[in-house]
Amino acid sequence: MTYSALRNQVEAKNIRSFVSRGKRQAVYVKEDVDQLANELKVFMAIKKRNPSTYVRATTREEIFETTKLSDAIFGGHIDVDRQMRWISKNLDIIYVVKNEGKVVGYAIILLLNTIR
């Protein structure tokens, strides 16, 4: 784990840390570190068994799922009908990342002079 990832875990209160008087280096609670290590092992084991796939978006449902992700992350809404028109002109502009059949990410690649 990188130092910044460790700091994020401390800030999220997943790992407690203490700095002894007169010291600059933090000490971390062993039980918290062990718990996080076990959780990461489980997560990595599941991830290895269920790899994500990166595929061309072809259905309205996939496009709708990308709009839900975008809404959750950025706010605002992406027009599904507009994206379906884009796909009808070029199948290679919208890709989705799926894990266990669920859309978990996406990429849209547009040439600015071709969209209307």
PDB file of N, CA and C in Angstrom:
ATOM      1  N   MET A   1       0.854  -1.169   0.000  1.00  0.00           N
ATOM      2  CA  MET A   1       0.000   0.000   0.000  1.00  0.00           C
ATOM      3  C   MET A   1       0.901   1.233   0.000  1.00  0.00           C
ATOM      4  N   THR A   2       0.535   2.211  -0.806  1.00  0.00           N
ATOM      5  CA  THR A   2       1.313   3.445  -0.848  1.00  0.00           C
ATOM      6  C   THR A   2       1.040   4.272   0.409  1.00  0.00           C
ATOM      7  N   TYR A   3       1.929   5.208   0.676  1.00  0.00           N
ATOM      8  CA  TYR A   3       1.737   6.073   1.844  1.00  0.00           C
ATOM      9  C   TYR A   3       0.451   6.888   1.713  1.00  0.00           C
ATOM     10  N   SER A   4       0.179   7.391   0.512  1.00  0.00           N
ATOM     11  CA  SER A   4      -1.048   8.184   0.343  1.00  0.00           C
ATOM     12  C   SER A   4      -2.294   7.316   0.554  1.00  0.00           C
ATOM     13  N   ALA A   5      -2.255   6.063   0.134  1.00  0.00           N
ATOM     14  CA  ALA A   5      -3.391   5.164   0.364  1.00  0.00           C
ATOM     15  C   ALA A   5      -3.556   4.906   1.862  1.00  0.00           C
ATOM     16  N   LEU A   6      -2.442   4.763   2.564  1.00  0.00           N
ATOM     17  CA  LEU A   6      -2.494   4.586   4.017  1.00  0.00           C
ATOM     18  C   LEU A   6      -3.099   5.818   4.678  1.00  0.00           C
ATOM     19  N   ARG A   7      -2.672   7.000   4.256  1.00  0.00           N
ATOM     20  CA  ARG A   7      -3.218   8.247   4.820  1.00  0.00           C
ATOM     21  C   ARG A   7      -4.725   8.340   4.558  1.00  0.00           C
ATOM     22  N   ASN A   8      -5.147   7.937   3.362  1.00  0.00           N
ATOM     23  CA  ASN A   8      -6.580   7.942   3.059  1.00  0.00           C
ATOM     24  C   ASN A   8      -7.350   7.028   4.008  1.00  0.00           C
ATOM     25  N   GLN A   9      -6.779   5.879   4.319  1.00  0.00           N
ATOM     26  CA  GLN A   9      -7.435   4.946   5.244  1.00  0.00           C
ATOM     27  C   GLN A   9      -7.502   5.526   6.658  1.00  0.00           C
ATOM     28  N   VAL A  10      -6.459   6.253   7.054  1.00  0.00           N
ATOM     29  CA  VAL A  10      -6.461   6.897   8.366  1.00  0.00           C
ATOM     30  C   VAL A  10      -7.521   8.001   8.389  1.00  0.00           C
ATOM     31  N   GLU A  11      -7.565   8.817   7.331  1.00  0.00           N
ATOM     32  CA  GLU A  11      -8.558   9.900   7.268  1.00  0.00           C
ATOM     33  C   GLU A  11      -9.984   9.362   7.226  1.00  0.00           C
ATOM     34  N   ALA A  12     -10.175   8.201   6.603  1.00  0.00           N
ATOM     35  CA  ALA A  12     -11.500   7.575   6.546  1.00  0.00           C
ATOM     36  C   ALA A  12     -11.842   6.848   7.854  1.00  0.00           C
ATOM     37  N   LYS A  13     -10.890   6.879   8.796  1.00  0.00           N
ATOM     38  CA  LYS A  13     -11.056   6.240  10.111  1.00  0.00           C
ATOM     39  C   LYS A  13     -11.154   4.716  10.027  1.00  0.00           C
ATOM     40  N   ASN A  14     -10.550   4.149   8.980  1.00  0.00           N
ATOM     41  CA  ASN A  14     -10.463   2.696   8.872  1.00  0.00           C
ATOM     42  C   ASN A  14      -9.248   2.170   9.629  1.00  0.00           C
ATOM     43  N   ILE A  15      -8.248   3.024   9.795  1.00  0.00           N
ATOM     44  CA  ILE A  15      -7.039   2.681  10.547  1.00  0.00           C
ATOM     45  C   ILE A  15      -6.776   3.817  11.529  1.00  0.00           C
ATOM     46  N   ARG A  16      -6.658   3.448  12.801  1.00  0.00           N
ATOM     47  CA  ARG A  16      -6.324   4.450  13.813  1.00  0.00           C
ATOM     48  C   ARG A  16      -4.810   4.594  13.889  1.00  0.00           C
ATOM     49  N   SER A  17      -4.362   5.841  14.087  1.00  0.00           N
ATOM     50  CA  SER A  17      -2.927   6.094  14.204  1.00  0.00           C
ATOM     51  C   SER A  17      -2.663   7.008  15.388  1.00  0.00           C
ATOM     52  N   PHE A  18      -1.457   6.883  15.940  1.00  0.00           N
ATOM     53  CA  PHE A  18      -1.042   7.691  17.074  1.00  0.00           C
ATOM     54  C   PHE A  18       0.398   8.130  16.850  1.00  0.00           C
ATOM     55  N   VAL A  19       0.698   9.336  17.287  1.00  0.00           N
ATOM     56  CA  VAL A  19       2.075   9.833  17.262  1.00  0.00           C
ATOM     57  C   VAL A  19       2.476  10.041  18.715  1.00  0.00           C
ATOM     58  N   SER A  20       3.489   9.304  19.151  1.00  0.00           N
ATOM     59  CA  SER A  20       3.960   9.412  20.530  1.00  0.00           C
ATOM     60  C   SER A  20       4.631  10.755  20.757  1.00  0.00           C
ATOM     61  N   ARG A  21       4.580  11.228  21.990  1.00  0.00           N
ATOM     62  CA  ARG A  21       5.197  12.498  22.347  1.00  0.00           C
ATOM     63  C   ARG A  21       6.686  12.468  21.991  1.00  0.00           C
ATOM     64  N   GLY A  22       7.121  13.508  21.316  1.00  0.00           N
ATOM     65  CA  GLY A  22       8.527  13.620  20.939  1.00  0.00           C
ATOM     66  C   GLY A  22       8.890  12.858  19.668  1.00  0.00           C
ATOM     67  N   LYS A  23       7.926  12.192  19.079  1.00  0.00           N
ATOM     68  CA  LYS A  23       8.164  11.421  17.848  1.00  0.00           C
ATOM     69  C   LYS A  23       7.476  12.102  16.679  1.00  0.00           C
ATOM     70  N   ARG A  24       7.942  11.800  15.481  1.00  0.00           N
ATOM     71  CA  ARG A  24       7.318  12.336  14.270  1.00  0.00           C
ATOM     72  C   ARG A  24       6.601  11.241  13.486  1.00  0.00           C
ATOM     73  N   GLN A  25       6.985  10.013  13.717  1.00  0.00           N
ATOM     74  CA  GLN A  25       6.442   8.883  12.969  1.00  0.00           C
ATOM     75  C   GLN A  25       5.188   8.349  13.648  1.00  0.00           C
ATOM     76  N   ALA A  26       4.129   8.135  12.858  1.00  0.00           N
ATOM     77  CA  ALA A  26       2.889   7.592  13.406  1.00  0.00           C
ATOM     78  C   ALA A  26       3.018   6.090  13.624  1.00  0.00           C
ATOM     79  N   VAL A  27       2.236   5.610  14.562  1.00  0.00           N
ATOM     80  CA  VAL A  27       2.112   4.178  14.840  1.00  0.00           C
ATOM     81  C   VAL A  27       0.655   3.822  14.566  1.00  0.00           C
ATOM     82  N   TYR A  28       0.445   2.677  13.916  1.00  0.00           N
ATOM     83  CA  TYR A  28      -0.897   2.278  13.502  1.00  0.00           C
ATOM     84  C   TYR A  28      -1.360   1.089  14.326  1.00  0.00           C
ATOM     85  N   VAL A  29      -2.651   1.050  14.611  1.00  0.00           N
ATOM     86  CA  VAL A  29      -3.230  -0.022  15.431  1.00  0.00           C
ATOM     87  C   VAL A  29      -3.220  -1.320  14.624  1.00  0.00           C
ATOM     88  N   LYS A  30      -2.562  -2.338  15.178  1.00  0.00           N
ATOM     89  CA  LYS A  30      -2.365  -3.614  14.481  1.00  0.00           C
ATOM     90  C   LYS A  30      -3.686  -4.243  14.050  1.00  0.00           C
ATOM     91  N   GLU A  31      -4.685  -4.234  14.913  1.00  0.00           N
ATOM     92  CA  GLU A  31      -5.968  -4.847  14.569  1.00  0.00           C
ATOM     93  C   GLU A  31      -6.603  -4.168  13.361  1.00  0.00           C
ATOM     94  N   ASP A  32      -6.482  -2.833  13.288  1.00  0.00           N
ATOM     95  CA  ASP A  32      -7.040  -2.100  12.148  1.00  0.00           C
ATOM     96  C   ASP A  32      -6.313  -2.453  10.857  1.00  0.00           C
ATOM     97  N   VAL A  33      -4.982  -2.533  10.948  1.00  0.00           N
ATOM     98  CA  VAL A  33      -4.173  -2.873   9.769  1.00  0.00           C
ATOM     99  C   VAL A  33      -4.484  -4.295   9.303  1.00  0.00           C
ATOM    100  N   ASP A  34      -4.571  -5.225  10.261  1.00  0.00           N
ATOM    101  CA  ASP A  34      -4.885  -6.615   9.913  1.00  0.00           C
ATOM    102  C   ASP A  34      -6.276  -6.728   9.288  1.00  0.00           C
ATOM    103  N   GLN A  35      -7.245  -6.001   9.846  1.00  0.00           N
ATOM    104  CA  GLN A  35      -8.604  -6.026   9.304  1.00  0.00           C
ATOM    105  C   GLN A  35      -8.624  -5.528   7.865  1.00  0.00           C
ATOM    106  N   LEU A  36      -7.954  -4.404   7.614  1.00  0.00           N
ATOM    107  CA  LEU A  36      -7.908  -3.869   6.256  1.00  0.00           C
ATOM    108  C   LEU A  36      -7.176  -4.826   5.315  1.00  0.00           C
ATOM    109  N   ALA A  37      -6.092  -5.418   5.777  1.00  0.00           N
ATOM    110  CA  ALA A  37      -5.353  -6.376   4.949  1.00  0.00           C
ATOM    111  C   ALA A  37      -6.244  -7.552   4.560  1.00  0.00           C
ATOM    112  N   ASN A  38      -7.029  -8.064   5.499  1.00  0.00           N
ATOM    113  CA  ASN A  38      -7.948  -9.172   5.203  1.00  0.00           C
ATOM    114  C   ASN A  38      -9.011  -8.752   4.205  1.00  0.00           C
ATOM    115  N   GLU A  39      -9.549  -7.544   4.374  1.00  0.00           N
ATOM    116  CA  GLU A  39     -10.563  -7.052   3.438  1.00  0.00           C
ATOM    117  C   GLU A  39      -9.982  -6.898   2.036  1.00  0.00           C
ATOM    118  N   LEU A  40      -8.753  -6.401   1.950  1.00  0.00           N
ATOM    119  CA  LEU A  40      -8.113  -6.248   0.642  1.00  0.00           C
ATOM    120  C   LEU A  40      -7.833  -7.608  -0.010  1.00  0.00           C
ATOM    121  N   LYS A  41      -7.444  -8.596   0.795  1.00  0.00           N
ATOM    122  CA  LYS A  41      -7.220  -9.946   0.257  1.00  0.00           C
ATOM    123  C   LYS A  41      -8.500 -10.518  -0.334  1.00  0.00           C
ATOM    124  N   VAL A  42      -9.605 -10.343   0.389  1.00  0.00           N
ATOM    125  CA  VAL A  42     -10.897 -10.833  -0.102  1.00  0.00           C
ATOM    126  C   VAL A  42     -11.271 -10.109  -1.388  1.00  0.00           C
ATOM    127  N   PHE A  43     -11.114  -8.788  -1.390  1.00  0.00           N
ATOM    128  CA  PHE A  43     -11.440  -7.993  -2.575  1.00  0.00           C
ATOM    129  C   PHE A  43     -10.604  -8.446  -3.774  1.00  0.00           C
ATOM    130  N   MET A  44      -9.312  -8.629  -3.586  1.00  0.00           N
ATOM    131  CA  MET A  44      -8.447  -9.030  -4.692  1.00  0.00           C
ATOM    132  C   MET A  44      -8.784 -10.435  -5.177  1.00  0.00           C
ATOM    133  N   ALA A  45      -9.138 -11.327  -4.262  1.00  0.00           N
ATOM    134  CA  ALA A  45      -9.513 -12.691  -4.661  1.00  0.00           C
ATOM    135  C   ALA A  45     -10.779 -12.658  -5.503  1.00  0.00           C
ATOM    136  N   ILE A  46     -11.751 -11.838  -5.109  1.00  0.00           N
ATOM    137  CA  ILE A  46     -12.986 -11.728  -5.882  1.00  0.00           C
ATOM    138  C   ILE A  46     -12.695 -11.104  -7.238  1.00  0.00           C
ATOM    139  N   LYS A  47     -11.872 -10.077  -7.261  1.00  0.00           N
ATOM    140  CA  LYS A  47     -11.550  -9.386  -8.505  1.00  0.00           C
ATOM    141  C   LYS A  47     -10.875 -10.342  -9.490  1.00  0.00           C
ATOM    142  N   LYS A  48     -10.014 -11.216  -9.011  1.00  0.00           N
ATOM    143  CA  LYS A  48      -9.344 -12.175  -9.894  1.00  0.00           C
ATOM    144  C   LYS A  48     -10.327 -13.165 -10.486  1.00  0.00           C
ATOM    145  N   ARG A  49     -11.336 -13.530  -9.716  1.00  0.00           N
ATOM    146  CA  ARG A  49     -12.323 -14.486 -10.202  1.00  0.00           C
ATOM    147  C   ARG A  49     -13.315 -13.841 -11.153  1.00  0.00           C
ATOM    148  N   ASN A  50     -13.561 -12.556 -10.993  1.00  0.00           N
ATOM    149  CA  ASN A  50     -14.558 -11.853 -11.785  1.00  0.00           C
ATOM    150  C   ASN A  50     -13.923 -10.653 -12.485  1.00  0.00           C
ATOM    151  N   PRO A  51     -13.122 -10.899 -13.501  1.00  0.00           N
ATOM    152  CA  PRO A  51     -12.457  -9.769 -14.153  1.00  0.00           C
ATOM    153  C   PRO A  51     -13.454  -8.880 -14.895  1.00  0.00           C
ATOM    154  N   SER A  52     -13.101  -7.622 -15.000  1.00  0.00           N
ATOM    155  CA  SER A  52     -13.930  -6.683 -15.747  1.00  0.00           C
ATOM    156  C   SER A  52     -13.669  -6.849 -17.232  1.00  0.00           C
ATOM    157  N   THR A  53     -14.665  -6.495 -18.031  1.00  0.00           N
ATOM    158  CA  THR A  53     -14.518  -6.524 -19.482  1.00  0.00           C
ATOM    159  C   THR A  53     -14.749  -5.129 -20.031  1.00  0.00           C
ATOM    160  N   TYR A  54     -14.112  -4.828 -21.126  1.00  0.00           N
ATOM    161  CA  TYR A  54     -14.214  -3.532 -21.801  1.00  0.00           C
ATOM    162  C   TYR A  54     -14.785  -3.814 -23.175  1.00  0.00           C
ATOM    163  N   VAL A  55     -16.036  -3.396 -23.395  1.00  0.00           N
ATOM    164  CA  VAL A  55     -16.723  -3.751 -24.635  1.00  0.00           C
ATOM    165  C   VAL A  55     -17.419  -2.536 -25.246  1.00  0.00           C
ATOM    166  N   ARG A  56     -17.687  -2.625 -26.507  1.00  0.00           N
ATOM    167  CA  ARG A  56     -18.418  -1.566 -27.210  1.00  0.00           C
ATOM    168  C   ARG A  56     -19.854  -1.512 -26.683  1.00  0.00           C
ATOM    169  N   ALA A  57     -20.337  -0.300 -26.394  1.00  0.00           N
ATOM    170  CA  ALA A  57     -21.728  -0.130 -25.972  1.00  0.00           C
ATOM    171  C   ALA A  57     -22.612  -0.254 -27.206  1.00  0.00           C
ATOM    172  N   THR A  58     -23.604  -1.105 -27.110  1.00  0.00           N
ATOM    173  CA  THR A  58     -24.469  -1.313 -28.274  1.00  0.00           C
ATOM    174  C   THR A  58     -25.954  -1.185 -27.958  1.00  0.00           C
ATOM    175  N   THR A  59     -26.311  -1.200 -26.681  1.00  0.00           N
ATOM    176  CA  THR A  59     -27.732  -1.179 -26.346  1.00  0.00           C
ATOM    177  C   THR A  59     -28.127   0.105 -25.610  1.00  0.00           C
ATOM    178  N   ARG A  60     -29.381   0.431 -25.699  1.00  0.00           N
ATOM    179  CA  ARG A  60     -29.929   1.587 -24.978  1.00  0.00           C
ATOM    180  C   ARG A  60     -29.733   1.415 -23.468  1.00  0.00           C
ATOM    181  N   GLU A  61     -29.885   0.195 -22.987  1.00  0.00           N
ATOM    182  CA  GLU A  61     -29.713  -0.079 -21.553  1.00  0.00           C
ATOM    183  C   GLU A  61     -28.290   0.249 -21.095  1.00  0.00           C
ATOM    184  N   GLU A  62     -27.298  -0.143 -21.896  1.00  0.00           N
ATOM    185  CA  GLU A  62     -25.908   0.177 -21.544  1.00  0.00           C
ATOM    186  C   GLU A  62     -25.686   1.690 -21.508  1.00  0.00           C
ATOM    187  N   ILE A  63     -26.232   2.392 -22.485  1.00  0.00           N
ATOM    188  CA  ILE A  63     -26.104   3.849 -22.520  1.00  0.00           C
ATOM    189  C   ILE A  63     -26.794   4.467 -21.311  1.00  0.00           C
ATOM    190  N   PHE A  64     -27.966   3.962 -20.960  1.00  0.00           N
ATOM    191  CA  PHE A  64     -28.680   4.473 -19.796  1.00  0.00           C
ATOM    192  C   PHE A  64     -27.853   4.280 -18.526  1.00  0.00           C
ATOM    193  N   GLU A  65     -27.185   3.131 -18.395  1.00  0.00           N
ATOM    194  CA  GLU A  65     -26.341   2.881 -17.224  1.00  0.00           C
ATOM    195  C   GLU A  65     -25.177   3.869 -17.157  1.00  0.00           C
ATOM    196  N   THR A  66     -24.628   4.257 -18.324  1.00  0.00           N
ATOM    197  CA  THR A  66     -23.545   5.254 -18.308  1.00  0.00           C
ATOM    198  C   THR A  66     -24.067   6.597 -17.823  1.00  0.00           C
ATOM    199  N   THR A  67     -25.312   6.925 -18.159  1.00  0.00           N
ATOM    200  CA  THR A  67     -25.870   8.206 -17.693  1.00  0.00           C
ATOM    201  C   THR A  67     -26.062   8.192 -16.181  1.00  0.00           C
ATOM    202  N   LYS A  68     -26.432   7.047 -15.630  1.00  0.00           N
ATOM    203  CA  LYS A  68     -26.583   6.966 -14.180  1.00  0.00           C
ATOM    204  C   LYS A  68     -25.231   7.154 -13.487  1.00  0.00           C
ATOM    205  N   LEU A  69     -24.178   6.568 -14.054  1.00  0.00           N
ATOM    206  CA  LEU A  69     -22.840   6.769 -13.492  1.00  0.00           C
ATOM    207  C   LEU A  69     -22.440   8.239 -13.570  1.00  0.00           C
ATOM    208  N   SER A  70     -22.654   8.831 -14.726  1.00  0.00           N
ATOM    209  CA  SER A  70     -22.305  10.236 -14.918  1.00  0.00           C
ATOM    210  C   SER A  70     -23.066  11.140 -13.963  1.00  0.00           C
ATOM    211  N   ASP A  71     -24.351  10.882 -13.793  1.00  0.00           N
ATOM    212  CA  ASP A  71     -25.167  11.668 -12.863  1.00  0.00           C
ATOM    213  C   ASP A  71     -24.612  11.563 -11.442  1.00  0.00           C
ATOM    214  N   ALA A  72     -24.242  10.348 -11.035  1.00  0.00           N
ATOM    215  CA  ALA A  72     -23.751  10.138  -9.673  1.00  0.00           C
ATOM    216  C   ALA A  72     -22.408  10.828  -9.440  1.00  0.00           C
ATOM    217  N   ILE A  73     -21.565  10.853 -10.456  1.00  0.00           N
ATOM    218  CA  ILE A  73     -20.220  11.414 -10.295  1.00  0.00           C
ATOM    219  C   ILE A  73     -20.199  12.913 -10.534  1.00  0.00           C
ATOM    220  N   PHE A  74     -20.806  13.348 -11.646  1.00  0.00           N
ATOM    221  CA  PHE A  74     -20.672  14.734 -12.078  1.00  0.00           C
ATOM    222  C   PHE A  74     -21.922  15.579 -11.861  1.00  0.00           C
ATOM    223  N   GLY A  75     -23.060  14.938 -11.613  1.00  0.00           N
ATOM    224  CA  GLY A  75     -24.318  15.679 -11.580  1.00  0.00           C
ATOM    225  C   GLY A  75     -24.718  15.988 -13.014  1.00  0.00           C
ATOM    226  N   GLY A  76     -25.920  16.427 -13.210  1.00  0.00           N
ATOM    227  CA  GLY A  76     -26.350  16.692 -14.586  1.00  0.00           C
ATOM    228  C   GLY A  76     -26.720  15.406 -15.290  1.00  0.00           C
ATOM    229  N   HIS A  77     -27.222  15.549 -16.495  1.00  0.00           N
ATOM    230  CA  HIS A  77     -27.738  14.384 -17.198  1.00  0.00           C
ATOM    231  C   HIS A  77     -27.229  14.360 -18.636  1.00  0.00           C
ATOM    232  N   ILE A  78     -26.914  13.188 -19.114  1.00  0.00           N
ATOM    233  CA  ILE A  78     -26.505  12.991 -20.498  1.00  0.00           C
ATOM    234  C   ILE A  78     -27.711  12.460 -21.258  1.00  0.00           C
ATOM    235  N   ASP A  79     -27.947  12.986 -22.423  1.00  0.00           N
ATOM    236  CA  ASP A  79     -29.104  12.627 -23.249  1.00  0.00           C
ATOM    237  C   ASP A  79     -28.884  11.266 -23.909  1.00  0.00           C
ATOM    238  N   VAL A  80     -29.667  10.271 -23.497  1.00  0.00           N
ATOM    239  CA  VAL A  80     -29.547   8.909 -24.025  1.00  0.00           C
ATOM    240  C   VAL A  80     -29.850   8.881 -25.519  1.00  0.00           C
ATOM    241  N   ASP A  81     -30.894   9.592 -25.936  1.00  0.00           N
ATOM    242  CA  ASP A  81     -31.254   9.597 -27.362  1.00  0.00           C
ATOM    243  C   ASP A  81     -30.121  10.156 -28.223  1.00  0.00           C
ATOM    244  N   ARG A  82     -29.475  11.207 -27.745  1.00  0.00           N
ATOM    245  CA  ARG A  82     -28.347  11.779 -28.493  1.00  0.00           C
ATOM    246  C   ARG A  82     -27.219  10.761 -28.635  1.00  0.00           C
ATOM    247  N   GLN A  83     -26.921  10.062 -27.544  1.00  0.00           N
ATOM    248  CA  GLN A  83     -25.854   9.065 -27.612  1.00  0.00           C
ATOM    249  C   GLN A  83     -26.236   7.908 -28.529  1.00  0.00           C
ATOM    250  N   MET A  84     -27.486   7.534 -28.547  1.00  0.00           N
ATOM    251  CA  MET A  84     -27.926   6.475 -29.464  1.00  0.00           C
ATOM    252  C   MET A  84     -27.753   6.935 -30.918  1.00  0.00           C
ATOM    253  N   ARG A  85     -27.998   8.214 -31.194  1.00  0.00           N
ATOM    254  CA  ARG A  85     -27.761   8.736 -32.546  1.00  0.00           C
ATOM    255  C   ARG A  85     -26.272   8.683 -32.885  1.00  0.00           C
ATOM    256  N   TRP A  86     -25.426   9.009 -31.911  1.00  0.00           N
ATOM    257  CA  TRP A  86     -23.981   8.941 -32.144  1.00  0.00           C
ATOM    258  C   TRP A  86     -23.579   7.515 -32.519  1.00  0.00           C
ATOM    259  N   ILE A  87     -24.088   6.542 -31.769  1.00  0.00           N
ATOM    260  CA  ILE A  87     -23.762   5.138 -32.044  1.00  0.00           C
ATOM    261  C   ILE A  87     -24.262   4.724 -33.420  1.00  0.00           C
ATOM    262  N   SER A  88     -25.416   5.230 -33.823  1.00  0.00           N
ATOM    263  CA  SER A  88     -25.941   4.854 -35.141  1.00  0.00           C
ATOM    264  C   SER A  88     -25.007   5.340 -36.254  1.00  0.00           C
ATOM    265  N   LYS A  89     -24.237   6.387 -35.994  1.00  0.00           N
ATOM    266  CA  LYS A  89     -23.293   6.910 -36.988  1.00  0.00           C
ATOM    267  C   LYS A  89     -21.919   6.268 -36.881  1.00  0.00           C
ATOM    268  N   ASN A  90     -21.538   5.852 -35.648  1.00  0.00           N
ATOM    269  CA  ASN A  90     -20.209   5.286 -35.441  1.00  0.00           C
ATOM    270  C   ASN A  90     -20.246   4.384 -34.214  1.00  0.00           C
ATOM    271  N   LEU A  91     -20.148   3.080 -34.435  1.00  0.00           N
ATOM    272  CA  LEU A  91     -20.228   2.108 -33.343  1.00  0.00           C
ATOM    273  C   LEU A  91     -19.036   2.159 -32.399  1.00  0.00           C
ATOM    274  N   ASP A  92     -17.959   2.805 -32.800  1.00  0.00           N
ATOM    275  CA  ASP A  92     -16.727   2.762 -32.015  1.00  0.00           C
ATOM    276  C   ASP A  92     -16.520   3.964 -31.108  1.00  0.00           C
ATOM    277  N   ILE A  93     -17.562   4.675 -30.720  1.00  0.00           N
ATOM    278  CA  ILE A  93     -17.336   5.863 -29.901  1.00  0.00           C
ATOM    279  C   ILE A  93     -17.674   5.699 -28.427  1.00  0.00           C
ATOM    280  N   ILE A  94     -18.486   4.709 -28.068  1.00  0.00           N
ATOM    281  CA  ILE A  94     -18.842   4.531 -26.661  1.00  0.00           C
ATOM    282  C   ILE A  94     -18.524   3.096 -26.250  1.00  0.00           C
ATOM    283  N   TYR A  95     -17.725   2.989 -25.191  1.00  0.00           N
ATOM    284  CA  TYR A  95     -17.351   1.694 -24.635  1.00  0.00           C
ATOM    285  C   TYR A  95     -17.733   1.664 -23.160  1.00  0.00           C
ATOM    286  N   VAL A  96     -18.069   0.497 -22.668  1.00  0.00           N
ATOM    287  CA  VAL A  96     -18.412   0.338 -21.264  1.00  0.00           C
ATOM    288  C   VAL A  96     -17.482  -0.690 -20.620  1.00  0.00           C
ATOM    289  N   VAL A  97     -17.264  -0.510 -19.328  1.00  0.00           N
ATOM    290  CA  VAL A  97     -16.544  -1.480 -18.516  1.00  0.00           C
ATOM    291  C   VAL A  97     -17.603  -2.201 -17.699  1.00  0.00           C
ATOM    292  N   LYS A  98     -17.626  -3.522 -17.817  1.00  0.00           N
ATOM    293  CA  LYS A  98     -18.618  -4.320 -17.099  1.00  0.00           C
ATOM    294  C   LYS A  98     -17.917  -5.270 -16.136  1.00  0.00           C
ATOM    295  N   ASN A  99     -18.550  -5.452 -14.981  1.00  0.00           N
ATOM    296  CA  ASN A  99     -18.104  -6.444 -14.028  1.00  0.00           C
ATOM    297  C   ASN A  99     -19.336  -7.196 -13.577  1.00  0.00           C
ATOM    298  N   GLU A 100     -19.300  -8.500 -13.748  1.00  0.00           N
ATOM    299  CA  GLU A 100     -20.438  -9.364 -13.441  1.00  0.00           C
ATOM    300  C   GLU A 100     -21.700  -8.883 -14.156  1.00  0.00           C
ATOM    301  N   GLY A 101     -21.537  -8.418 -15.399  1.00  0.00           N
ATOM    302  CA  GLY A 101     -22.659  -8.006 -16.216  1.00  0.00           C
ATOM    303  C   GLY A 101     -23.175  -6.610 -15.942  1.00  0.00           C
ATOM    304  N   LYS A 102     -22.601  -5.924 -14.956  1.00  0.00           N
ATOM    305  CA  LYS A 102     -23.065  -4.590 -14.586  1.00  0.00           C
ATOM    306  C   LYS A 102     -22.082  -3.543 -15.110  1.00  0.00           C
ATOM    307  N   VAL A 103     -22.616  -2.438 -15.668  1.00  0.00           N
ATOM    308  CA  VAL A 103     -21.772  -1.354 -16.155  1.00  0.00           C
ATOM    309  C   VAL A 103     -21.187  -0.621 -14.955  1.00  0.00           C
ATOM    310  N   VAL A 104     -19.840  -0.597 -14.871  1.00  0.00           N
ATOM    311  CA  VAL A 104     -19.159   0.058 -13.751  1.00  0.00           C
ATOM    312  C   VAL A 104     -18.277   1.216 -14.210  1.00  0.00           C
ATOM    313  N   GLY A 105     -18.184   1.418 -15.521  1.00  0.00           N
ATOM    314  CA  GLY A 105     -17.403   2.521 -16.062  1.00  0.00           C
ATOM    315  C   GLY A 105     -17.671   2.651 -17.544  1.00  0.00           C
ATOM    316  N   TYR A 106     -17.205   3.760 -18.127  1.00  0.00           N
ATOM    317  CA  TYR A 106     -17.414   3.946 -19.559  1.00  0.00           C
ATOM    318  C   TYR A 106     -16.429   4.957 -20.116  1.00  0.00           C
ATOM    319  N   ALA A 107     -16.310   4.948 -21.427  1.00  0.00           N
ATOM    320  CA  ALA A 107     -15.479   5.932 -22.134  1.00  0.00           C
ATOM    321  C   ALA A 107     -16.224   6.343 -23.394  1.00  0.00           C
ATOM    322  N   ILE A 108     -16.215   7.626 -23.668  1.00  0.00           N
ATOM    323  CA  ILE A 108     -16.806   8.159 -24.887  1.00  0.00           C
ATOM    324  C   ILE A 108     -15.702   8.882 -25.649  1.00  0.00           C
ATOM    325  N   ILE A 109     -15.516   8.512 -26.899  1.00  0.00           N
ATOM    326  CA  ILE A 109     -14.484   9.109 -27.734  1.00  0.00           C
ATOM    327  C   ILE A 109     -15.165   9.759 -28.926  1.00  0.00           C
ATOM    328  N   LEU A 110     -15.146  11.083 -28.973  1.00  0.00           N
ATOM    329  CA  LEU A 110     -15.843  11.815 -30.035  1.00  0.00           C
ATOM    330  C   LEU A 110     -14.866  12.646 -30.843  1.00  0.00           C
ATOM    331  N   LEU A 111     -15.071  12.647 -32.146  1.00  0.00           N
ATOM    332  CA  LEU A 111     -14.396  13.606 -33.004  1.00  0.00           C
ATOM    333  C   LEU A 111     -15.319  14.813 -33.061  1.00  0.00           C
ATOM    334  N   LEU A 112     -14.840  15.941 -32.620  1.00  0.00           N
ATOM    335  CA  LEU A 112     -15.717  17.108 -32.446  1.00  0.00           C
ATOM    336  C   LEU A 112     -16.364  17.589 -33.731  1.00  0.00           C
ATOM    337  N   ASN A 113     -15.721  17.392 -34.853  1.00  0.00           N
ATOM    338  CA  ASN A 113     -16.310  17.875 -36.098  1.00  0.00           C
ATOM    339  C   ASN A 113     -17.347  16.934 -36.690  1.00  0.00           C
ATOM    340  N   THR A 114     -17.595  15.784 -36.065  1.00  0.00           N
ATOM    341  CA  THR A 114     -18.537  14.816 -36.637  1.00  0.00           C
ATOM    342  C   THR A 114     -19.844  14.688 -35.860  1.00  0.00           C
ATOM    343  N   ILE A 115     -19.935  15.317 -34.680  1.00  0.00           N
ATOM    344  CA  ILE A 115     -21.172  15.184 -33.906  1.00  0.00           C
ATOM    345  C   ILE A 115     -22.101  16.346 -34.221  1.00  0.00           C
ATOM    346  N   ARG A 116     -23.360  16.018 -34.355  1.00  0.00           N
ATOM    347  CA  ARG A 116     -24.379  17.047 -34.619  1.00  0.00           C
ATOM    348  C   ARG A 116     -25.710  16.585 -34.147  1.00  0.00           C
TER     349      ARG A 116
END
